[in-house]
Amino acid sequence: VALCYTLSTIILTPILMFIVLRLIDLKMIEFVRSFVPVAVSTLIMLLALFIFKYITRYIYSIQIQITLLGSFIVGFAVYALAFKSIFPKKYKDIVNVIKILMPSFGSASNIT
């Protein structure tokens, strides 16, 4: 059953994407190009996490919870810094959307 689901997904996804993108008049290359910033930042984050795991695997006294928390913090920080340094305009757009959705984000004057 899982094999059939996998094969149907592999076969039908490109066809369905073509139909949907054709309906909204969007070219596939433009759609794929929108994922480049995310993919680049993710690869940099992945490299940083591999380095972090390589360094921490030789320290046997570290508990698993601390390793997990450290991995989360390192991954988040590296991803945000990579995205901000490589794609500053897109980063600024994301921050502006967050500020619209959360008016108290980034301003300490609203804290009561």
PDB file of N, CA and C in Angstrom:
ATOM      1  N   VAL A   1       0.835  -1.196   0.000  1.00  0.00           N
ATOM      2  CA  VAL A   1       0.000   0.000   0.000  1.00  0.00           C
ATOM      3  C   VAL A   1       0.872   1.249   0.000  1.00  0.00           C
ATOM      4  N   ALA A   2       1.915   1.250   0.826  1.00  0.00           N
ATOM      5  CA  ALA A   2       2.792   2.421   0.886  1.00  0.00           C
ATOM      6  C   ALA A   2       3.494   2.640  -0.448  1.00  0.00           C
ATOM      7  N   LEU A   3       3.866   1.566  -1.095  1.00  0.00           N
ATOM      8  CA  LEU A   3       4.520   1.676  -2.397  1.00  0.00           C
ATOM      9  C   LEU A   3       3.590   2.298  -3.436  1.00  0.00           C
ATOM     10  N   CYS A   4       2.319   1.906  -3.405  1.00  0.00           N
ATOM     11  CA  CYS A   4       1.344   2.483  -4.343  1.00  0.00           C
ATOM     12  C   CYS A   4       1.134   3.970  -4.088  1.00  0.00           C
ATOM     13  N   TYR A   5       1.054   4.359  -2.797  1.00  0.00           N
ATOM     14  CA  TYR A   5       0.933   5.785  -2.475  1.00  0.00           C
ATOM     15  C   TYR A   5       2.153   6.565  -2.964  1.00  0.00           C
ATOM     16  N   THR A   6       3.331   6.009  -2.758  1.00  0.00           N
ATOM     17  CA  THR A   6       4.554   6.674  -3.189  1.00  0.00           C
ATOM     18  C   THR A   6       4.600   6.828  -4.703  1.00  0.00           C
ATOM     19  N   LEU A   7       4.308   5.766  -5.409  1.00  0.00           N
ATOM     20  CA  LEU A   7       4.326   5.829  -6.871  1.00  0.00           C
ATOM     21  C   LEU A   7       3.274   6.781  -7.418  1.00  0.00           C
ATOM     22  N   SER A   8       2.080   6.755  -6.843  1.00  0.00           N
ATOM     23  CA  SER A   8       1.045   7.673  -7.325  1.00  0.00           C
ATOM     24  C   SER A   8       1.424   9.117  -7.051  1.00  0.00           C
ATOM     25  N   THR A   9       2.064   9.374  -5.922  1.00  0.00           N
ATOM     26  CA  THR A   9       2.508  10.730  -5.624  1.00  0.00           C
ATOM     27  C   THR A   9       3.576  11.173  -6.605  1.00  0.00           C
ATOM     28  N   ILE A  10       4.526  10.305  -6.861  1.00  0.00           N
ATOM     29  CA  ILE A  10       5.615  10.642  -7.792  1.00  0.00           C
ATOM     30  C   ILE A  10       5.074  10.874  -9.198  1.00  0.00           C
ATOM     31  N   ILE A  11       4.119  10.087  -9.608  1.00  0.00           N
ATOM     32  CA  ILE A  11       3.587  10.200 -10.972  1.00  0.00           C
ATOM     33  C   ILE A  11       2.612  11.357 -11.105  1.00  0.00           C
ATOM     34  N   LEU A  12       1.741  11.539 -10.117  1.00  0.00           N
ATOM     35  CA  LEU A  12       0.671  12.532 -10.253  1.00  0.00           C
ATOM     36  C   LEU A  12       1.071  13.954  -9.859  1.00  0.00           C
ATOM     37  N   THR A  13       2.030  14.115  -8.980  1.00  0.00           N
ATOM     38  CA  THR A  13       2.390  15.463  -8.531  1.00  0.00           C
ATOM     39  C   THR A  13       2.825  16.379  -9.669  1.00  0.00           C
ATOM     40  N   PRO A  14       3.725  15.975 -10.547  1.00  0.00           N
ATOM     41  CA  PRO A  14       4.092  16.887 -11.643  1.00  0.00           C
ATOM     42  C   PRO A  14       2.910  17.241 -12.550  1.00  0.00           C
ATOM     43  N   ILE A  15       2.044  16.278 -12.795  1.00  0.00           N
ATOM     44  CA  ILE A  15       0.879  16.545 -13.642  1.00  0.00           C
ATOM     45  C   ILE A  15      -0.053  17.544 -12.970  1.00  0.00           C
ATOM     46  N   LEU A  16      -0.333  17.320 -11.689  1.00  0.00           N
ATOM     47  CA  LEU A  16      -1.212  18.241 -10.967  1.00  0.00           C
ATOM     48  C   LEU A  16      -0.593  19.627 -10.830  1.00  0.00           C
ATOM     49  N   MET A  17       0.730  19.685 -10.580  1.00  0.00           N
ATOM     50  CA  MET A  17       1.398  20.985 -10.486  1.00  0.00           C
ATOM     51  C   MET A  17       1.313  21.724 -11.817  1.00  0.00           C
ATOM     52  N   PHE A  18       1.487  21.021 -12.914  1.00  0.00           N
ATOM     53  CA  PHE A  18       1.384  21.649 -14.224  1.00  0.00           C
ATOM     54  C   PHE A  18       0.001  22.240 -14.425  1.00  0.00           C
ATOM     55  N   ILE A  19      -1.028  21.492 -14.068  1.00  0.00           N
ATOM     56  CA  ILE A  19      -2.407  21.972 -14.250  1.00  0.00           C
ATOM     57  C   ILE A  19      -2.674  23.192 -13.376  1.00  0.00           C
ATOM     58  N   VAL A  20      -2.288  23.122 -12.112  1.00  0.00           N
ATOM     59  CA  VAL A  20      -2.539  24.240 -11.193  1.00  0.00           C
ATOM     60  C   VAL A  20      -1.767  25.477 -11.617  1.00  0.00           C
ATOM     61  N   LEU A  21      -0.499  25.322 -11.935  1.00  0.00           N
ATOM     62  CA  LEU A  21       0.299  26.473 -12.354  1.00  0.00           C
ATOM     63  C   LEU A  21      -0.199  27.055 -13.667  1.00  0.00           C
ATOM     64  N   ARG A  22      -0.704  26.220 -14.523  1.00  0.00           N
ATOM     65  CA  ARG A  22      -1.277  26.705 -15.783  1.00  0.00           C
ATOM     66  C   ARG A  22      -2.545  27.523 -15.526  1.00  0.00           C
ATOM     67  N   LEU A  23      -3.352  27.084 -14.563  1.00  0.00           N
ATOM     68  CA  LEU A  23      -4.584  27.803 -14.237  1.00  0.00           C
ATOM     69  C   LEU A  23      -4.317  29.197 -13.675  1.00  0.00           C
ATOM     70  N   ILE A  24      -3.277  29.324 -12.874  1.00  0.00           N
ATOM     71  CA  ILE A  24      -2.987  30.633 -12.273  1.00  0.00           C
ATOM     72  C   ILE A  24      -1.932  31.401 -13.062  1.00  0.00           C
ATOM     73  N   ASP A  25      -1.567  30.885 -14.239  1.00  0.00           N
ATOM     74  CA  ASP A  25      -0.635  31.547 -15.152  1.00  0.00           C
ATOM     75  C   ASP A  25       0.716  31.823 -14.487  1.00  0.00           C
ATOM     76  N   LEU A  26       1.298  30.773 -13.934  1.00  0.00           N
ATOM     77  CA  LEU A  26       2.610  30.857 -13.300  1.00  0.00           C
ATOM     78  C   LEU A  26       3.505  29.797 -13.916  1.00  0.00           C
ATOM     79  N   LYS A  27       4.722  30.188 -14.273  1.00  0.00           N
ATOM     80  CA  LYS A  27       5.646  29.237 -14.882  1.00  0.00           C
ATOM     81  C   LYS A  27       6.324  28.409 -13.795  1.00  0.00           C
ATOM     82  N   MET A  28       6.638  27.175 -14.140  1.00  0.00           N
ATOM     83  CA  MET A  28       7.246  26.259 -13.184  1.00  0.00           C
ATOM     84  C   MET A  28       8.587  26.785 -12.684  1.00  0.00           C
ATOM     85  N   ILE A  29       9.369  27.414 -13.548  1.00  0.00           N
ATOM     86  CA  ILE A  29      10.673  27.925 -13.145  1.00  0.00           C
ATOM     87  C   ILE A  29      10.531  29.014 -12.092  1.00  0.00           C
ATOM     88  N   GLU A  30       9.506  29.856 -12.201  1.00  0.00           N
ATOM     89  CA  GLU A  30       9.261  30.889 -11.190  1.00  0.00           C
ATOM     90  C   GLU A  30       8.861  30.260  -9.859  1.00  0.00           C
ATOM     91  N   PHE A  31       8.067  29.203  -9.928  1.00  0.00           N
ATOM     92  CA  PHE A  31       7.639  28.498  -8.727  1.00  0.00           C
ATOM     93  C   PHE A  31       8.831  27.849  -8.029  1.00  0.00           C
ATOM     94  N   VAL A  32       9.686  27.194  -8.792  1.00  0.00           N
ATOM     95  CA  VAL A  32      10.859  26.532  -8.220  1.00  0.00           C
ATOM     96  C   VAL A  32      11.853  27.562  -7.696  1.00  0.00           C
ATOM     97  N   ARG A  33      12.005  28.669  -8.408  1.00  0.00           N
ATOM     98  CA  ARG A  33      12.930  29.721  -7.998  1.00  0.00           C
ATOM     99  C   ARG A  33      12.545  30.331  -6.647  1.00  0.00           C
ATOM    100  N   SER A  34      11.283  30.286  -6.295  1.00  0.00           N
ATOM    101  CA  SER A  34      10.866  30.853  -5.006  1.00  0.00           C
ATOM    102  C   SER A  34      11.379  30.032  -3.822  1.00  0.00           C
ATOM    103  N   PHE A  35      11.801  28.796  -4.067  1.00  0.00           N
ATOM    104  CA  PHE A  35      12.323  27.947  -2.998  1.00  0.00           C
ATOM    105  C   PHE A  35      13.837  28.055  -2.820  1.00  0.00           C
ATOM    106  N   VAL A  36      14.527  28.798  -3.667  1.00  0.00           N
ATOM    107  CA  VAL A  36      15.986  28.895  -3.594  1.00  0.00           C
ATOM    108  C   VAL A  36      16.463  29.488  -2.267  1.00  0.00           C
ATOM    109  N   PRO A  37      15.912  30.610  -1.773  1.00  0.00           N
ATOM    110  CA  PRO A  37      16.404  31.139  -0.494  1.00  0.00           C
ATOM    111  C   PRO A  37      16.260  30.149   0.661  1.00  0.00           C
ATOM    112  N   VAL A  38      15.154  29.454   0.693  1.00  0.00           N
ATOM    113  CA  VAL A  38      14.922  28.483   1.761  1.00  0.00           C
ATOM    114  C   VAL A  38      15.904  27.322   1.644  1.00  0.00           C
ATOM    115  N   ALA A  39      16.138  26.854   0.433  1.00  0.00           N
ATOM    116  CA  ALA A  39      17.040  25.720   0.229  1.00  0.00           C
ATOM    117  C   ALA A  39      18.482  26.072   0.589  1.00  0.00           C
ATOM    118  N   VAL A  40      18.931  27.262   0.204  1.00  0.00           N
ATOM    119  CA  VAL A  40      20.300  27.688   0.514  1.00  0.00           C
ATOM    120  C   VAL A  40      20.479  27.823   2.021  1.00  0.00           C
ATOM    121  N   SER A  41      19.538  28.486   2.687  1.00  0.00           N
ATOM    122  CA  SER A  41      19.632  28.654   4.137  1.00  0.00           C
ATOM    123  C   SER A  41      19.563  27.308   4.857  1.00  0.00           C
ATOM    124  N   THR A  42      18.755  26.400   4.360  1.00  0.00           N
ATOM    125  CA  THR A  42      18.648  25.076   4.971  1.00  0.00           C
ATOM    126  C   THR A  42      19.944  24.291   4.824  1.00  0.00           C
ATOM    127  N   LEU A  43      20.603  24.379   3.681  1.00  0.00           N
ATOM    128  CA  LEU A  43      21.877  23.678   3.500  1.00  0.00           C
ATOM    129  C   LEU A  43      22.954  24.218   4.437  1.00  0.00           C
ATOM    130  N   ILE A  44      22.992  25.533   4.620  1.00  0.00           N
ATOM    131  CA  ILE A  44      23.956  26.131   5.544  1.00  0.00           C
ATOM    132  C   ILE A  44      23.646  25.687   6.977  1.00  0.00           C
ATOM    133  N   MET A  45      22.367  25.676   7.354  1.00  0.00           N
ATOM    134  CA  MET A  45      21.967  25.221   8.681  1.00  0.00           C
ATOM    135  C   MET A  45      22.334  23.759   8.878  1.00  0.00           C
ATOM    136  N   LEU A  46      22.122  22.939   7.874  1.00  0.00           N
ATOM    137  CA  LEU A  46      22.444  21.521   7.968  1.00  0.00           C
ATOM    138  C   LEU A  46      23.937  21.312   8.187  1.00  0.00           C
ATOM    139  N   LEU A  47      24.761  22.055   7.484  1.00  0.00           N
ATOM    140  CA  LEU A  47      26.200  21.971   7.671  1.00  0.00           C
ATOM    141  C   LEU A  47      26.590  22.373   9.095  1.00  0.00           C
ATOM    142  N   ALA A  48      26.002  23.447   9.603  1.00  0.00           N
ATOM    143  CA  ALA A  48      26.294  23.893  10.971  1.00  0.00           C
ATOM    144  C   ALA A  48      25.863  22.848  11.998  1.00  0.00           C
ATOM    145  N   LEU A  49      24.729  22.198  11.775  1.00  0.00           N
ATOM    146  CA  LEU A  49      24.269  21.169  12.707  1.00  0.00           C
ATOM    147  C   LEU A  49      25.147  19.930  12.658  1.00  0.00           C
ATOM    148  N   PHE A  50      25.635  19.561  11.479  1.00  0.00           N
ATOM    149  CA  PHE A  50      26.577  18.440  11.393  1.00  0.00           C
ATOM    150  C   PHE A  50      27.853  18.744  12.178  1.00  0.00           C
ATOM    151  N   ILE A  51      28.345  19.969  12.057  1.00  0.00           N
ATOM    152  CA  ILE A  51      29.540  20.371  12.802  1.00  0.00           C
ATOM    153  C   ILE A  51      29.250  20.343  14.301  1.00  0.00           C
ATOM    154  N   PHE A  52      28.098  20.861  14.712  1.00  0.00           N
ATOM    155  CA  PHE A  52      27.714  20.863  16.126  1.00  0.00           C
ATOM    156  C   PHE A  52      27.628  19.436  16.665  1.00  0.00           C
ATOM    157  N   LYS A  53      26.986  18.544  15.908  1.00  0.00           N
ATOM    158  CA  LYS A  53      26.874  17.151  16.343  1.00  0.00           C
ATOM    159  C   LYS A  53      28.248  16.469  16.384  1.00  0.00           C
ATOM    160  N   TYR A  54      29.119  16.794  15.450  1.00  0.00           N
ATOM    161  CA  TYR A  54      30.454  16.207  15.429  1.00  0.00           C
ATOM    162  C   TYR A  54      31.236  16.633  16.667  1.00  0.00           C
ATOM    163  N   ILE A  55      31.103  17.897  17.048  1.00  0.00           N
ATOM    164  CA  ILE A  55      31.822  18.403  18.220  1.00  0.00           C
ATOM    165  C   ILE A  55      31.252  17.804  19.508  1.00  0.00           C
ATOM    166  N   THR A  56      29.938  17.744  19.612  1.00  0.00           N
ATOM    167  CA  THR A  56      29.327  17.301  20.869  1.00  0.00           C
ATOM    168  C   THR A  56      29.280  15.786  21.042  1.00  0.00           C
ATOM    169  N   ARG A  57      29.537  15.026  20.023  1.00  0.00           N
ATOM    170  CA  ARG A  57      29.447  13.572  20.201  1.00  0.00           C
ATOM    171  C   ARG A  57      30.601  13.016  21.017  1.00  0.00           C
ATOM    172  N   TYR A  58      31.680  13.746  21.111  1.00  0.00           N
ATOM    173  CA  TYR A  58      32.812  13.286  21.909  1.00  0.00           C
ATOM    174  C   TYR A  58      32.721  13.713  23.368  1.00  0.00           C
ATOM    175  N   ILE A  59      31.742  14.525  23.698  1.00  0.00           N
ATOM    176  CA  ILE A  59      31.541  14.948  25.090  1.00  0.00           C
ATOM    177  C   ILE A  59      30.453  14.063  25.673  1.00  0.00           C
ATOM    178  N   TYR A  60      30.844  13.062  26.423  1.00  0.00           N
ATOM    179  CA  TYR A  60      29.897  12.070  26.918  1.00  0.00           C
ATOM    180  C   TYR A  60      29.091  12.563  28.110  1.00  0.00           C
ATOM    181  N   SER A  61      29.525  13.632  28.750  1.00  0.00           N
ATOM    182  CA  SER A  61      28.815  14.098  29.940  1.00  0.00           C
ATOM    183  C   SER A  61      27.592  14.955  29.604  1.00  0.00           C
ATOM    184  N   ILE A  62      27.411  15.305  28.323  1.00  0.00           N
ATOM    185  CA  ILE A  62      26.266  16.135  27.935  1.00  0.00           C
ATOM    186  C   ILE A  62      25.018  15.258  27.866  1.00  0.00           C
ATOM    187  N   GLN A  63      23.974  15.717  28.521  1.00  0.00           N
ATOM    188  CA  GLN A  63      22.708  14.987  28.468  1.00  0.00           C
ATOM    189  C   GLN A  63      22.023  15.241  27.133  1.00  0.00           C
ATOM    190  N   ILE A  64      21.138  14.333  26.786  1.00  0.00           N
ATOM    191  CA  ILE A  64      20.463  14.408  25.488  1.00  0.00           C
ATOM    192  C   ILE A  64      19.585  15.655  25.374  1.00  0.00           C
ATOM    193  N   GLN A  65      18.981  16.089  26.477  1.00  0.00           N
ATOM    194  CA  GLN A  65      18.136  17.279  26.438  1.00  0.00           C
ATOM    195  C   GLN A  65      18.953  18.529  26.108  1.00  0.00           C
ATOM    196  N   ILE A  66      20.146  18.612  26.658  1.00  0.00           N
ATOM    197  CA  ILE A  66      20.998  19.769  26.382  1.00  0.00           C
ATOM    198  C   ILE A  66      21.466  19.741  24.925  1.00  0.00           C
ATOM    199  N   THR A  67      21.785  18.557  24.428  1.00  0.00           N
ATOM    200  CA  THR A  67      22.176  18.433  23.022  1.00  0.00           C
ATOM    201  C   THR A  67      21.030  18.828  22.099  1.00  0.00           C
ATOM    202  N   LEU A  68      19.821  18.384  22.442  1.00  0.00           N
ATOM    203  CA  LEU A  68      18.656  18.731  21.630  1.00  0.00           C
ATOM    204  C   LEU A  68      18.396  20.235  21.651  1.00  0.00           C
ATOM    205  N   LEU A  69      18.446  20.843  22.828  1.00  0.00           N
ATOM    206  CA  LEU A  69      18.233  22.286  22.941  1.00  0.00           C
ATOM    207  C   LEU A  69      19.333  23.048  22.206  1.00  0.00           C
ATOM    208  N   GLY A  70      20.578  22.589  22.360  1.00  0.00           N
ATOM    209  CA  GLY A  70      21.685  23.242  21.661  1.00  0.00           C
ATOM    210  C   GLY A  70      21.542  23.146  20.151  1.00  0.00           C
ATOM    211  N   SER A  71      21.106  21.983  19.672  1.00  0.00           N
ATOM    212  CA  SER A  71      20.891  21.810  18.232  1.00  0.00           C
ATOM    213  C   SER A  71      19.802  22.752  17.727  1.00  0.00           C
ATOM    214  N   PHE A  72      18.736  22.886  18.505  1.00  0.00           N
ATOM    215  CA  PHE A  72      17.648  23.788  18.113  1.00  0.00           C
ATOM    216  C   PHE A  72      18.139  25.232  18.045  1.00  0.00           C
ATOM    217  N   ILE A  73      18.870  25.660  19.062  1.00  0.00           N
ATOM    218  CA  ILE A  73      19.346  27.047  19.102  1.00  0.00           C
ATOM    219  C   ILE A  73      20.345  27.306  17.978  1.00  0.00           C
ATOM    220  N   VAL A  74      21.293  26.387  17.791  1.00  0.00           N
ATOM    221  CA  VAL A  74      22.283  26.561  16.721  1.00  0.00           C
ATOM    222  C   VAL A  74      21.596  26.573  15.354  1.00  0.00           C
ATOM    223  N   GLY A  75      20.670  25.646  15.130  1.00  0.00           N
ATOM    224  CA  GLY A  75      19.974  25.583  13.857  1.00  0.00           C
ATOM    225  C   GLY A  75      19.174  26.842  13.569  1.00  0.00           C
ATOM    226  N   PHE A  76      18.426  27.307  14.563  1.00  0.00           N
ATOM    227  CA  PHE A  76      17.622  28.518  14.379  1.00  0.00           C
ATOM    228  C   PHE A  76      18.503  29.730  14.110  1.00  0.00           C
ATOM    229  N   ALA A  77      19.563  29.891  14.909  1.00  0.00           N
ATOM    230  CA  ALA A  77      20.433  31.062  14.768  1.00  0.00           C
ATOM    231  C   ALA A  77      21.153  31.062  13.414  1.00  0.00           C
ATOM    232  N   VAL A  78      21.676  29.916  13.016  1.00  0.00           N
ATOM    233  CA  VAL A  78      22.403  29.841  11.740  1.00  0.00           C
ATOM    234  C   VAL A  78      21.450  30.062  10.573  1.00  0.00           C
ATOM    235  N   TYR A  79      20.266  29.479  10.631  1.00  0.00           N
ATOM    236  CA  TYR A  79      19.291  29.659   9.556  1.00  0.00           C
ATOM    237  C   TYR A  79      18.907  31.139   9.417  1.00  0.00           C
ATOM    238  N   ALA A  80      18.597  31.781  10.545  1.00  0.00           N
ATOM    239  CA  ALA A  80      18.205  33.198  10.500  1.00  0.00           C
ATOM    240  C   ALA A  80      19.349  34.076  10.002  1.00  0.00           C
ATOM    241  N   LEU A  81      20.562  33.841  10.492  1.00  0.00           N
ATOM    242  CA  LEU A  81      21.698  34.654  10.043  1.00  0.00           C
ATOM    243  C   LEU A  81      22.030  34.412   8.574  1.00  0.00           C
ATOM    244  N   ALA A  82      21.944  33.171   8.132  1.00  0.00           N
ATOM    245  CA  ALA A  82      22.211  32.881   6.722  1.00  0.00           C
ATOM    246  C   ALA A  82      21.167  33.547   5.833  1.00  0.00           C
ATOM    247  N   PHE A  83      19.915  33.428   6.222  1.00  0.00           N
ATOM    248  CA  PHE A  83      18.842  34.037   5.432  1.00  0.00           C
ATOM    249  C   PHE A  83      18.996  35.549   5.395  1.00  0.00           C
ATOM    250  N   LYS A  84      19.333  36.141   6.558  1.00  0.00           N
ATOM    251  CA  LYS A  84      19.472  37.595   6.623  1.00  0.00           C
ATOM    252  C   LYS A  84      20.667  38.088   5.818  1.00  0.00           C
ATOM    253  N   SER A  85      21.774  37.354   5.843  1.00  0.00           N
ATOM    254  CA  SER A  85      22.961  37.835   5.146  1.00  0.00           C
ATOM    255  C   SER A  85      22.905  37.574   3.643  1.00  0.00           C
ATOM    256  N   ILE A  86      22.279  36.480   3.221  1.00  0.00           N
ATOM    257  CA  ILE A  86      22.249  36.159   1.793  1.00  0.00           C
ATOM    258  C   ILE A  86      21.066  36.828   1.084  1.00  0.00           C
ATOM    259  N   PHE A  87      19.925  36.890   1.752  1.00  0.00           N
ATOM    260  CA  PHE A  87      18.705  37.455   1.153  1.00  0.00           C
ATOM    261  C   PHE A  87      18.119  38.535   2.069  1.00  0.00           C
ATOM    262  N   PRO A  88      18.798  39.696   2.193  1.00  0.00           N
ATOM    263  CA  PRO A  88      18.328  40.705   3.155  1.00  0.00           C
ATOM    264  C   PRO A  88      16.946  41.285   2.832  1.00  0.00           C
ATOM    265  N   LYS A  89      16.619  41.428   1.552  1.00  0.00           N
ATOM    266  CA  LYS A  89      15.312  41.989   1.205  1.00  0.00           C
ATOM    267  C   LYS A  89      14.185  41.038   1.597  1.00  0.00           C
ATOM    268  N   LYS A  90      14.352  39.763   1.311  1.00  0.00           N
ATOM    269  CA  LYS A  90      13.331  38.781   1.684  1.00  0.00           C
ATOM    270  C   LYS A  90      13.222  38.665   3.199  1.00  0.00           C
ATOM    271  N   TYR A  91      14.357  38.754   3.895  1.00  0.00           N
ATOM    272  CA  TYR A  91      14.345  38.711   5.354  1.00  0.00           C
ATOM    273  C   TYR A  91      13.558  39.894   5.911  1.00  0.00           C
ATOM    274  N   LYS A  92      13.786  41.068   5.328  1.00  0.00           N
ATOM    275  CA  LYS A  92      13.077  42.266   5.787  1.00  0.00           C
ATOM    276  C   LYS A  92      11.575  42.140   5.521  1.00  0.00           C
ATOM    277  N   ASP A  93      11.207  41.549   4.391  1.00  0.00           N
ATOM    278  CA  ASP A  93       9.794  41.321   4.087  1.00  0.00           C
ATOM    279  C   ASP A  93       9.151  40.394   5.116  1.00  0.00           C
ATOM    280  N   ILE A  94       9.864  39.333   5.501  1.00  0.00           N
ATOM    281  CA  ILE A  94       9.329  38.398   6.492  1.00  0.00           C
ATOM    282  C   ILE A  94       9.157  39.080   7.839  1.00  0.00           C
ATOM    283  N   VAL A  95      10.139  39.883   8.242  1.00  0.00           N
ATOM    284  CA  VAL A  95      10.039  40.604   9.512  1.00  0.00           C
ATOM    285  C   VAL A  95       8.876  41.582   9.480  1.00  0.00           C
ATOM    286  N   ASN A  96       8.657  42.249   8.356  1.00  0.00           N
ATOM    287  CA  ASN A  96       7.537  43.177   8.251  1.00  0.00           C
ATOM    288  C   ASN A  96       6.196  42.460   8.357  1.00  0.00           C
ATOM    289  N   VAL A  97       6.082  41.286   7.770  1.00  0.00           N
ATOM    290  CA  VAL A  97       4.851  40.502   7.886  1.00  0.00           C
ATOM    291  C   VAL A  97       4.621  40.091   9.337  1.00  0.00           C
ATOM    292  N   ILE A  98       5.701  39.676  10.007  1.00  0.00           N
ATOM    293  CA  ILE A  98       5.570  39.298  11.422  1.00  0.00           C
ATOM    294  C   ILE A  98       5.151  40.505  12.253  1.00  0.00           C
ATOM    295  N   LYS A  99       5.689  41.673  11.956  1.00  0.00           N
ATOM    296  CA  LYS A  99       5.307  42.884  12.696  1.00  0.00           C
ATOM    297  C   LYS A  99       3.842  43.229  12.471  1.00  0.00           C
ATOM    298  N   ILE A 100       3.340  42.984  11.271  1.00  0.00           N
ATOM    299  CA  ILE A 100       1.923  43.246  11.002  1.00  0.00           C
ATOM    300  C   ILE A 100       1.048  42.265  11.763  1.00  0.00           C
ATOM    301  N   LEU A 101       1.451  40.989  11.757  1.00  0.00           N
ATOM    302  CA  LEU A 101       0.656  39.967  12.436  1.00  0.00           C
ATOM    303  C   LEU A 101       0.756  40.058  13.955  1.00  0.00           C
ATOM    304  N   MET A 102       1.916  40.489  14.451  1.00  0.00           N
ATOM    305  CA  MET A 102       2.129  40.609  15.894  1.00  0.00           C
ATOM    306  C   MET A 102       2.602  42.033  16.180  1.00  0.00           C
ATOM    307  N   PRO A 103       1.690  42.943  16.465  1.00  0.00           N
ATOM    308  CA  PRO A 103       2.075  44.352  16.639  1.00  0.00           C
ATOM    309  C   PRO A 103       3.094  44.587  17.748  1.00  0.00           C
ATOM    310  N   SER A 104       3.141  43.735  18.752  1.00  0.00           N
ATOM    311  CA  SER A 104       4.096  43.957  19.849  1.00  0.00           C
ATOM    312  C   SER A 104       5.476  43.397  19.542  1.00  0.00           C
ATOM    313  N   PHE A 105       5.644  42.750  18.394  1.00  0.00           N
ATOM    314  CA  PHE A 105       6.948  42.179  18.038  1.00  0.00           C
ATOM    315  C   PHE A 105       7.966  43.281  17.797  1.00  0.00           C
ATOM    316  N   GLY A 106       9.053  43.236  18.510  1.00  0.00           N
ATOM    317  CA  GLY A 106      10.141  44.163  18.267  1.00  0.00           C
ATOM    318  C   GLY A 106      10.010  45.510  18.943  1.00  0.00           C
ATOM    319  N   SER A 107       8.965  45.733  19.716  1.00  0.00           N
ATOM    320  CA  SER A 107       8.871  47.014  20.404  1.00  0.00           C
ATOM    321  C   SER A 107       8.598  46.771  21.885  1.00  0.00           C
ATOM    322  N   ALA A 108       9.481  47.296  22.701  1.00  0.00           N
ATOM    323  CA  ALA A 108       9.347  47.107  24.152  1.00  0.00           C
ATOM    324  C   ALA A 108       8.357  48.099  24.756  1.00  0.00           C
ATOM    325  N   SER A 109       7.937  49.093  23.986  1.00  0.00           N
ATOM    326  CA  SER A 109       7.034  50.106  24.529  1.00  0.00           C
ATOM    327  C   SER A 109       5.638  49.570  24.767  1.00  0.00           C
ATOM    328  N   ASN A 110       5.257  48.476  24.126  1.00  0.00           N
ATOM    329  CA  ASN A 110       3.918  47.915  24.285  1.00  0.00           C
ATOM    330  C   ASN A 110       3.801  46.971  25.467  1.00  0.00           C
ATOM    331  N   ILE A 111       4.929  46.697  26.146  1.00  0.00           N
ATOM    332  CA  ILE A 111       4.883  45.777  27.279  1.00  0.00           C
ATOM    333  C   ILE A 111       4.300  46.492  28.472  1.00  0.00           C
ATOM    334  N   THR A 112       3.280  45.875  29.080  1.00  0.00           N
ATOM    335  CA  THR A 112       2.640  46.516  30.240  1.00  0.00           C
ATOM    336  C   THR A 112       2.985  45.821  31.514  1.00  0.00           C
TER     337      THR A 112
END
